[in-house]
């Protein structure tokens, strides 16, 4: 079995192409592949499958747990389909556990994905790490996000352990936590701790959650447009009047690997 390494703003993945749904990948196997010391090393694992004749993104976190959606991962998957000749450039759908997503994929350049409608689920949440506590927003992107705003990103610390988010009973399966700082040029700086992974260089669904939280925090009005800078690069998010998020950013494919020793 051949796997391909790729990334979107340095949020990285190992992909396998399995349109006939032949492969069953266990959580332990995903962990072995994603391990940065003994495996290939990545934030997540994507099995490119088909359901009812349509492309399906079977996405797993690096600890082997199943995730609903990944905004960077789906762009990397789309890049794979175009570069390997399995799909023509243009607009096409990819199904996910969070429903069908439509992408605009040119032959080269940034890829755009309609991430669907964002929901703020309930009122104030808090996130605590490095001896600091901030209030923020609970945002539903098909997967859960807690977004807080900080004056100084240095206060966040190392993020080696998951931040404590309250109310905890709202997140029985864990939560992705985004820390956001407004920059003088109007753009946003972001760090993220992903459930089942740890701190990552970027998070596509998290970027959309950040954009929605920024709109709620600053203007209280939609539509809204933001440039967001995670450690791994630069992404743009537009949110329309109906709270649909449009994410645009790069996707890169690197080398292929033989995965047989991990399976």
C-alpha atoms as a PDB file:
ATOM      1  CA  UNK A   1       0.000   0.000   0.000  1.00  0.00           C
ATOM      2  CA  UNK A   2       1.369   3.392  -1.025  1.00  0.00           C
ATOM      3  CA  UNK A   3       0.751   6.497   1.066  1.00  0.00           C
ATOM      4  CA  UNK A   4       1.313  10.109   0.042  1.00  0.00           C
ATOM      5  CA  UNK A   5       2.450  12.888   2.357  1.00  0.00           C
ATOM      6  CA  UNK A   6       0.914  16.350   1.925  1.00  0.00           C
ATOM      7  CA  UNK A   7       0.033  19.473   3.852  1.00  0.00           C
ATOM      8  CA  UNK A   8      -2.142  22.594   3.880  1.00  0.00           C
ATOM      9  CA  UNK A   9      -0.396  25.502   5.625  1.00  0.00           C
ATOM     10  CA  UNK A  10       1.814  22.860   7.302  1.00  0.00           C
ATOM     11  CA  UNK A  11      -1.158  20.981   8.772  1.00  0.00           C
ATOM     12  CA  UNK A  12       0.061  17.645   7.423  1.00  0.00           C
ATOM     13  CA  UNK A  13      -1.476  14.337   6.410  1.00  0.00           C
ATOM     14  CA  UNK A  14      -0.761  10.900   5.028  1.00  0.00           C
ATOM     15  CA  UNK A  15      -3.223   9.896   2.303  1.00  0.00           C
ATOM     16  CA  UNK A  16      -4.029   6.531   0.746  1.00  0.00           C
ATOM     17  CA  UNK A  17      -6.100   6.062  -2.403  1.00  0.00           C
ATOM     18  CA  UNK A  18      -8.817   3.447  -1.827  1.00  0.00           C
ATOM     19  CA  UNK A  19     -11.759   4.108  -4.195  1.00  0.00           C
ATOM     20  CA  UNK A  20     -12.846   0.453  -4.052  1.00  0.00           C
ATOM     21  CA  UNK A  21     -12.901   0.476  -0.229  1.00  0.00           C
ATOM     22  CA  UNK A  22     -10.521  -2.463   0.082  1.00  0.00           C
ATOM     23  CA  UNK A  23      -8.537  -1.346   3.101  1.00  0.00           C
ATOM     24  CA  UNK A  24      -9.536  -1.447   6.752  1.00  0.00           C
ATOM     25  CA  UNK A  25      -7.204   0.732   8.804  1.00  0.00           C
ATOM     26  CA  UNK A  26      -7.179   0.353  12.591  1.00  0.00           C
ATOM     27  CA  UNK A  27      -6.570   3.123  15.120  1.00  0.00           C
ATOM     28  CA  UNK A  28      -3.259   1.496  16.062  1.00  0.00           C
ATOM     29  CA  UNK A  29      -2.139   1.484  12.417  1.00  0.00           C
ATOM     30  CA  UNK A  30      -3.037   5.164  12.034  1.00  0.00           C
ATOM     31  CA  UNK A  31      -1.053   5.940  15.180  1.00  0.00           C
ATOM     32  CA  UNK A  32       1.966   4.064  13.810  1.00  0.00           C
ATOM     33  CA  UNK A  33       1.842   5.888  10.470  1.00  0.00           C
ATOM     34  CA  UNK A  34       1.348   9.335  12.052  1.00  0.00           C
ATOM     35  CA  UNK A  35       4.010   8.902  14.751  1.00  0.00           C
ATOM     36  CA  UNK A  36       6.677  11.569  14.156  1.00  0.00           C
ATOM     37  CA  UNK A  37       9.467   9.526  15.745  1.00  0.00           C
ATOM     38  CA  UNK A  38       8.908   6.035  14.360  1.00  0.00           C
ATOM     39  CA  UNK A  39       6.422   6.528  11.494  1.00  0.00           C
ATOM     40  CA  UNK A  40       6.052   8.918   8.597  1.00  0.00           C
ATOM     41  CA  UNK A  41       4.728  11.635  10.877  1.00  0.00           C
ATOM     42  CA  UNK A  42       1.584  13.717  10.371  1.00  0.00           C
ATOM     43  CA  UNK A  43      -1.325  15.439  12.109  1.00  0.00           C
ATOM     44  CA  UNK A  44      -3.871  13.216  10.435  1.00  0.00           C
ATOM     45  CA  UNK A  45      -4.640  10.337   8.083  1.00  0.00           C
ATOM     46  CA  UNK A  46      -6.949  10.423   5.050  1.00  0.00           C
ATOM     47  CA  UNK A  47      -8.334   7.396   3.242  1.00  0.00           C
ATOM     48  CA  UNK A  48      -9.615   8.565  -0.144  1.00  0.00           C
ATOM     49  CA  UNK A  49     -12.665   6.380  -0.646  1.00  0.00           C
ATOM     50  CA  UNK A  50     -15.935   6.396  -2.561  1.00  0.00           C
ATOM     51  CA  UNK A  51     -19.517   6.249  -1.323  1.00  0.00           C
ATOM     52  CA  UNK A  52     -22.405   5.933  -3.777  1.00  0.00           C
ATOM     53  CA  UNK A  53     -20.068   6.838  -6.620  1.00  0.00           C
ATOM     54  CA  UNK A  54     -18.836  10.066  -4.967  1.00  0.00           C
ATOM     55  CA  UNK A  55     -15.520  10.859  -3.339  1.00  0.00           C
ATOM     56  CA  UNK A  56     -15.485  10.399   0.443  1.00  0.00           C
ATOM     57  CA  UNK A  57     -12.879  11.668   2.910  1.00  0.00           C
ATOM     58  CA  UNK A  58     -12.370   9.071   5.645  1.00  0.00           C
ATOM     59  CA  UNK A  59     -10.426  11.255   8.078  1.00  0.00           C
ATOM     60  CA  UNK A  60      -8.631  10.170  11.269  1.00  0.00           C
ATOM     61  CA  UNK A  61      -6.707  12.187  13.831  1.00  0.00           C
ATOM     62  CA  UNK A  62      -3.122  11.133  14.554  1.00  0.00           C
ATOM     63  CA  UNK A  63      -4.254   9.172  17.626  1.00  0.00           C
ATOM     64  CA  UNK A  64      -6.490   7.056  15.387  1.00  0.00           C
ATOM     65  CA  UNK A  65      -9.773   8.652  16.459  1.00  0.00           C
ATOM     66  CA  UNK A  66     -12.369   9.420  13.801  1.00  0.00           C
ATOM     67  CA  UNK A  67     -13.051  13.078  12.987  1.00  0.00           C
ATOM     68  CA  UNK A  68     -15.993  14.625  11.173  1.00  0.00           C
ATOM     69  CA  UNK A  69     -14.204  17.108   8.946  1.00  0.00           C
ATOM     70  CA  UNK A  70     -10.848  18.751   8.213  1.00  0.00           C
ATOM     71  CA  UNK A  71     -10.687  21.925   6.130  1.00  0.00           C
ATOM     72  CA  UNK A  72      -6.983  21.663   5.338  1.00  0.00           C
ATOM     73  CA  UNK A  73      -7.200  17.916   4.770  1.00  0.00           C
ATOM     74  CA  UNK A  74     -10.035  18.144   2.259  1.00  0.00           C
ATOM     75  CA  UNK A  75      -8.030  20.654   0.187  1.00  0.00           C
ATOM     76  CA  UNK A  76      -5.023  18.311   0.206  1.00  0.00           C
ATOM     77  CA  UNK A  77      -7.280  15.427  -0.831  1.00  0.00           C
ATOM     78  CA  UNK A  78      -8.669  17.533  -3.689  1.00  0.00           C
ATOM     79  CA  UNK A  79      -5.114  18.390  -4.761  1.00  0.00           C
ATOM     80  CA  UNK A  80      -4.295  14.666  -4.825  1.00  0.00           C
ATOM     81  CA  UNK A  81      -7.328  13.860  -6.993  1.00  0.00           C
ATOM     82  CA  UNK A  82      -6.368  16.522  -9.560  1.00  0.00           C
ATOM     83  CA  UNK A  83      -2.614  15.882  -9.643  1.00  0.00           C
ATOM     84  CA  UNK A  84      -3.012  12.098  -9.910  1.00  0.00           C
ATOM     85  CA  UNK A  85      -5.568  12.346 -12.699  1.00  0.00           C
ATOM     86  CA  UNK A  86      -8.589  10.990 -10.829  1.00  0.00           C
ATOM     87  CA  UNK A  87     -10.632  14.187 -11.150  1.00  0.00           C
ATOM     88  CA  UNK A  88     -10.743  17.080 -13.598  1.00  0.00           C
ATOM     89  CA  UNK A  89     -10.054  20.599 -12.278  1.00  0.00           C
ATOM     90  CA  UNK A  90     -13.101  22.723 -11.547  1.00  0.00           C
ATOM     91  CA  UNK A  91     -15.945  22.539  -9.048  1.00  0.00           C
ATOM     92  CA  UNK A  92     -16.753  19.145  -7.565  1.00  0.00           C
ATOM     93  CA  UNK A  93     -18.037  17.625  -4.292  1.00  0.00           C
ATOM     94  CA  UNK A  94     -16.283  15.547  -1.635  1.00  0.00           C
ATOM     95  CA  UNK A  95     -18.436  13.839   0.974  1.00  0.00           C
ATOM     96  CA  UNK A  96     -17.409  13.888   4.650  1.00  0.00           C
ATOM     97  CA  UNK A  97     -18.855  12.802   7.975  1.00  0.00           C
ATOM     98  CA  UNK A  98     -20.086  16.403   8.216  1.00  0.00           C
ATOM     99  CA  UNK A  99     -21.890  16.152   4.889  1.00  0.00           C
ATOM    100  CA  UNK A 100     -21.084  17.092   1.303  1.00  0.00           C
ATOM    101  CA  UNK A 101     -18.545  19.875   0.692  1.00  0.00           C
ATOM    102  CA  UNK A 102     -18.071  21.591  -2.671  1.00  0.00           C
ATOM    103  CA  UNK A 103     -14.603  22.673  -3.761  1.00  0.00           C
ATOM    104  CA  UNK A 104     -13.219  24.884  -6.493  1.00  0.00           C
ATOM    105  CA  UNK A 105      -9.900  23.397  -7.571  1.00  0.00           C
ATOM    106  CA  UNK A 106      -7.786  24.996 -10.324  1.00  0.00           C
ATOM    107  CA  UNK A 107      -4.933  23.210 -12.074  1.00  0.00           C
ATOM    108  CA  UNK A 108      -2.571  25.219  -9.876  1.00  0.00           C
ATOM    109  CA  UNK A 109      -2.904  27.734  -7.061  1.00  0.00           C
ATOM    110  CA  UNK A 110      -5.066  28.015  -3.977  1.00  0.00           C
ATOM    111  CA  UNK A 111      -8.077  25.769  -3.427  1.00  0.00           C
ATOM    112  CA  UNK A 112     -11.442  26.981  -2.136  1.00  0.00           C
ATOM    113  CA  UNK A 113     -13.927  24.887  -0.166  1.00  0.00           C
ATOM    114  CA  UNK A 114     -17.446  25.764   0.944  1.00  0.00           C
ATOM    115  CA  UNK A 115     -17.315  24.547   4.540  1.00  0.00           C
ATOM    116  CA  UNK A 116     -21.045  24.930   5.104  1.00  0.00           C
ATOM    117  CA  UNK A 117     -22.993  26.734   7.767  1.00  0.00           C
ATOM    118  CA  UNK A 118     -21.354  27.692  11.058  1.00  0.00           C
ATOM    119  CA  UNK A 119     -23.310  27.649  14.307  1.00  0.00           C
ATOM    120  CA  UNK A 120     -22.571  29.257  17.650  1.00  0.00           C
ATOM    121  CA  UNK A 121     -23.981  26.567  19.903  1.00  0.00           C
ATOM    122  CA  UNK A 122     -24.345  28.292  23.262  1.00  0.00           C
ATOM    123  CA  UNK A 123     -23.062  31.253  25.237  1.00  0.00           C
ATOM    124  CA  UNK A 124     -19.804  31.957  26.996  1.00  0.00           C
ATOM    125  CA  UNK A 125     -17.072  29.354  27.401  1.00  0.00           C
ATOM    126  CA  UNK A 126     -13.697  29.625  29.115  1.00  0.00           C
ATOM    127  CA  UNK A 127     -10.325  28.125  28.211  1.00  0.00           C
ATOM    128  CA  UNK A 128      -7.496  27.865  30.727  1.00  0.00           C
ATOM    129  CA  UNK A 129      -3.825  27.137  30.040  1.00  0.00           C
ATOM    130  CA  UNK A 130      -0.433  28.337  31.293  1.00  0.00           C
ATOM    131  CA  UNK A 131      -2.095  29.913  34.339  1.00  0.00           C
ATOM    132  CA  UNK A 132      -4.386  32.157  32.285  1.00  0.00           C
ATOM    133  CA  UNK A 133      -8.131  31.962  31.644  1.00  0.00           C
ATOM    134  CA  UNK A 134      -9.965  33.590  28.729  1.00  0.00           C
ATOM    135  CA  UNK A 135     -13.629  33.750  27.759  1.00  0.00           C
ATOM    136  CA  UNK A 136     -14.830  33.056  24.250  1.00  0.00           C
ATOM    137  CA  UNK A 137     -17.218  31.296  21.893  1.00  0.00           C
ATOM    138  CA  UNK A 138     -18.351  27.724  21.277  1.00  0.00           C
ATOM    139  CA  UNK A 139     -18.520  27.268  17.494  1.00  0.00           C
ATOM    140  CA  UNK A 140     -19.873  24.208  15.681  1.00  0.00           C
ATOM    141  CA  UNK A 141     -18.093  23.445  12.390  1.00  0.00           C
ATOM    142  CA  UNK A 142     -19.391  19.885  12.274  1.00  0.00           C
ATOM    143  CA  UNK A 143     -16.667  19.367  14.854  1.00  0.00           C
ATOM    144  CA  UNK A 144     -16.492  21.394  18.103  1.00  0.00           C
ATOM    145  CA  UNK A 145     -14.350  24.517  18.580  1.00  0.00           C
ATOM    146  CA  UNK A 146     -13.740  26.776  21.563  1.00  0.00           C
ATOM    147  CA  UNK A 147     -12.385  30.127  20.356  1.00  0.00           C
ATOM    148  CA  UNK A 148     -10.872  32.679  22.756  1.00  0.00           C
ATOM    149  CA  UNK A 149      -9.198  36.038  22.170  1.00  0.00           C
ATOM    150  CA  UNK A 150      -5.902  36.977  23.813  1.00  0.00           C
ATOM    151  CA  UNK A 151      -4.009  40.241  24.159  1.00  0.00           C
ATOM    152  CA  UNK A 152      -0.589  38.562  23.882  1.00  0.00           C
ATOM    153  CA  UNK A 153      -0.059  35.163  22.252  1.00  0.00           C
ATOM    154  CA  UNK A 154       2.970  34.558  24.514  1.00  0.00           C
ATOM    155  CA  UNK A 155       0.548  34.147  27.440  1.00  0.00           C
ATOM    156  CA  UNK A 156      -0.741  30.916  25.881  1.00  0.00           C
ATOM    157  CA  UNK A 157       2.496  29.056  26.580  1.00  0.00           C
ATOM    158  CA  UNK A 158       3.586  25.731  25.129  1.00  0.00           C
ATOM    159  CA  UNK A 159       0.200  23.972  24.585  1.00  0.00           C
ATOM    160  CA  UNK A 160       1.848  20.630  25.365  1.00  0.00           C
ATOM    161  CA  UNK A 161      -1.321  19.541  27.188  1.00  0.00           C
ATOM    162  CA  UNK A 162      -4.963  20.194  26.273  1.00  0.00           C
ATOM    163  CA  UNK A 163      -6.369  23.458  27.627  1.00  0.00           C
ATOM    164  CA  UNK A 164      -9.115  23.112  30.234  1.00  0.00           C
ATOM    165  CA  UNK A 165     -12.396  24.219  28.659  1.00  0.00           C
ATOM    166  CA  UNK A 166     -15.582  24.880  30.616  1.00  0.00           C
ATOM    167  CA  UNK A 167     -18.378  23.873  30.629  1.00  0.00           C
ATOM    168  CA  UNK A 168     -16.660  20.518  30.107  1.00  0.00           C
ATOM    169  CA  UNK A 169     -19.889  18.513  29.843  1.00  0.00           C
ATOM    170  CA  UNK A 170     -20.617  20.208  26.522  1.00  0.00           C
ATOM    171  CA  UNK A 171     -17.609  18.414  24.990  1.00  0.00           C
ATOM    172  CA  UNK A 172     -17.892  14.686  25.755  1.00  0.00           C
ATOM    173  CA  UNK A 173     -15.549  13.826  22.856  1.00  0.00           C
ATOM    174  CA  UNK A 174     -13.102  16.673  23.434  1.00  0.00           C
ATOM    175  CA  UNK A 175     -12.797  20.047  21.709  1.00  0.00           C
ATOM    176  CA  UNK A 176     -10.452  21.944  19.417  1.00  0.00           C
ATOM    177  CA  UNK A 177      -9.258  25.133  21.109  1.00  0.00           C
ATOM    178  CA  UNK A 178      -8.217  28.236  19.142  1.00  0.00           C
ATOM    179  CA  UNK A 179      -6.325  31.186  20.645  1.00  0.00           C
ATOM    180  CA  UNK A 180      -6.637  34.360  18.571  1.00  0.00           C
ATOM    181  CA  UNK A 181      -4.945  37.746  18.600  1.00  0.00           C
ATOM    182  CA  UNK A 182      -6.082  40.769  16.580  1.00  0.00           C
ATOM    183  CA  UNK A 183      -3.169  42.308  14.672  1.00  0.00           C
ATOM    184  CA  UNK A 184      -2.695  45.996  13.956  1.00  0.00           C
ATOM    185  CA  UNK A 185      -3.241  45.443  10.214  1.00  0.00           C
ATOM    186  CA  UNK A 186      -6.702  43.973  10.841  1.00  0.00           C
ATOM    187  CA  UNK A 187      -5.638  40.384  10.278  1.00  0.00           C
ATOM    188  CA  UNK A 188      -5.745  37.622  12.889  1.00  0.00           C
ATOM    189  CA  UNK A 189      -2.984  35.531  14.438  1.00  0.00           C
ATOM    190  CA  UNK A 190      -4.005  32.057  15.595  1.00  0.00           C
ATOM    191  CA  UNK A 191      -2.758  29.021  17.485  1.00  0.00           C
ATOM    192  CA  UNK A 192      -4.729  25.807  17.877  1.00  0.00           C
ATOM    193  CA  UNK A 193      -4.729  22.710  20.061  1.00  0.00           C
ATOM    194  CA  UNK A 194      -6.567  19.962  18.161  1.00  0.00           C
ATOM    195  CA  UNK A 195      -8.305  17.181  20.045  1.00  0.00           C
ATOM    196  CA  UNK A 196      -6.601  13.854  19.441  1.00  0.00           C
ATOM    197  CA  UNK A 197      -3.526  15.554  17.973  1.00  0.00           C
ATOM    198  CA  UNK A 198      -2.066  18.378  20.085  1.00  0.00           C
ATOM    199  CA  UNK A 199      -0.904  21.733  18.788  1.00  0.00           C
ATOM    200  CA  UNK A 200      -0.824  21.855  14.995  1.00  0.00           C
ATOM    201  CA  UNK A 201       0.549  24.407  12.535  1.00  0.00           C
ATOM    202  CA  UNK A 202      -2.938  25.071  11.176  1.00  0.00           C
ATOM    203  CA  UNK A 203      -6.577  23.907  11.278  1.00  0.00           C
ATOM    204  CA  UNK A 204      -9.051  24.571   8.467  1.00  0.00           C
ATOM    205  CA  UNK A 205     -12.261  24.128  10.454  1.00  0.00           C
ATOM    206  CA  UNK A 206     -10.607  26.050  13.284  1.00  0.00           C
ATOM    207  CA  UNK A 207      -9.813  28.926  10.945  1.00  0.00           C
ATOM    208  CA  UNK A 208     -13.485  29.153   9.976  1.00  0.00           C
ATOM    209  CA  UNK A 209     -14.524  29.023  13.625  1.00  0.00           C
ATOM    210  CA  UNK A 210     -12.064  31.842  14.336  1.00  0.00           C
ATOM    211  CA  UNK A 211     -13.543  33.956  11.534  1.00  0.00           C
ATOM    212  CA  UNK A 212     -17.051  33.497  12.900  1.00  0.00           C
ATOM    213  CA  UNK A 213     -15.935  34.295  16.445  1.00  0.00           C
ATOM    214  CA  UNK A 214     -14.095  37.398  15.217  1.00  0.00           C
ATOM    215  CA  UNK A 215     -17.248  38.601  13.469  1.00  0.00           C
ATOM    216  CA  UNK A 216     -19.266  38.054  16.650  1.00  0.00           C
ATOM    217  CA  UNK A 217     -16.608  39.755  18.761  1.00  0.00           C
ATOM    218  CA  UNK A 218     -15.992  42.786  16.552  1.00  0.00           C
ATOM    219  CA  UNK A 219     -18.947  43.686  14.390  1.00  0.00           C
ATOM    220  CA  UNK A 220     -21.867  41.402  15.296  1.00  0.00           C
ATOM    221  CA  UNK A 221     -22.732  41.550  11.585  1.00  0.00           C
ATOM    222  CA  UNK A 222     -22.402  39.348   8.517  1.00  0.00           C
ATOM    223  CA  UNK A 223     -21.140  39.041   5.820  1.00  0.00           C
ATOM    224  CA  UNK A 224     -17.575  39.177   7.068  1.00  0.00           C
ATOM    225  CA  UNK A 225     -14.114  38.487   5.617  1.00  0.00           C
ATOM    226  CA  UNK A 226     -10.851  37.714   7.427  1.00  0.00           C
ATOM    227  CA  UNK A 227      -7.209  36.894   6.747  1.00  0.00           C
ATOM    228  CA  UNK A 228      -5.987  34.438   9.377  1.00  0.00           C
ATOM    229  CA  UNK A 229      -2.361  33.554  10.101  1.00  0.00           C
ATOM    230  CA  UNK A 230      -1.763  30.242  11.871  1.00  0.00           C
ATOM    231  CA  UNK A 231       1.913  29.276  12.398  1.00  0.00           C
ATOM    232  CA  UNK A 232       1.915  27.301   9.142  1.00  0.00           C
ATOM    233  CA  UNK A 233       0.848  30.000   6.708  1.00  0.00           C
ATOM    234  CA  UNK A 234      -1.992  32.231   5.593  1.00  0.00           C
ATOM    235  CA  UNK A 235      -5.662  31.462   4.946  1.00  0.00           C
ATOM    236  CA  UNK A 236      -8.685  33.532   4.004  1.00  0.00           C
ATOM    237  CA  UNK A 237     -12.242  32.967   5.202  1.00  0.00           C
ATOM    238  CA  UNK A 238     -15.400  34.649   3.943  1.00  0.00           C
ATOM    239  CA  UNK A 239     -18.650  34.229   5.869  1.00  0.00           C
ATOM    240  CA  UNK A 240     -21.815  35.140   4.029  1.00  0.00           C
ATOM    241  CA  UNK A 241     -25.052  36.541   5.414  1.00  0.00           C
ATOM    242  CA  UNK A 242     -26.317  32.993   6.081  1.00  0.00           C
ATOM    243  CA  UNK A 243     -23.204  32.016   8.118  1.00  0.00           C
ATOM    244  CA  UNK A 244     -21.732  29.831   5.378  1.00  0.00           C
ATOM    245  CA  UNK A 245     -17.923  29.777   5.510  1.00  0.00           C
ATOM    246  CA  UNK A 246     -15.744  29.794   2.373  1.00  0.00           C
ATOM    247  CA  UNK A 247     -12.134  28.765   3.103  1.00  0.00           C
ATOM    248  CA  UNK A 248      -9.307  29.431   0.632  1.00  0.00           C
ATOM    249  CA  UNK A 249      -5.693  28.361   0.935  1.00  0.00           C
ATOM    250  CA  UNK A 250      -2.830  26.288  -0.484  1.00  0.00           C
ATOM    251  CA  UNK A 251      -2.394  22.528  -0.652  1.00  0.00           C
ATOM    252  CA  UNK A 252       0.907  20.746  -1.262  1.00  0.00           C
ATOM    253  CA  UNK A 253       1.781  17.130  -2.087  1.00  0.00           C
ATOM    254  CA  UNK A 254       5.219  15.727  -1.281  1.00  0.00           C
ATOM    255  CA  UNK A 255       6.632  12.214  -1.630  1.00  0.00           C
ATOM    256  CA  UNK A 256       5.057   8.744  -1.615  1.00  0.00           C
ATOM    257  CA  UNK A 257       5.821   6.060   0.988  1.00  0.00           C
ATOM    258  CA  UNK A 258       5.395   2.289   1.252  1.00  0.00           C
ATOM    259  CA  UNK A 259       3.047   1.791   4.212  1.00  0.00           C
ATOM    260  CA  UNK A 260       3.247  -2.009   4.404  1.00  0.00           C
ATOM    261  CA  UNK A 261       5.536  -2.077   7.441  1.00  0.00           C
ATOM    262  CA  UNK A 262       2.957  -0.099   9.438  1.00  0.00           C
ATOM    263  CA  UNK A 263      -0.027  -2.320   8.554  1.00  0.00           C
END
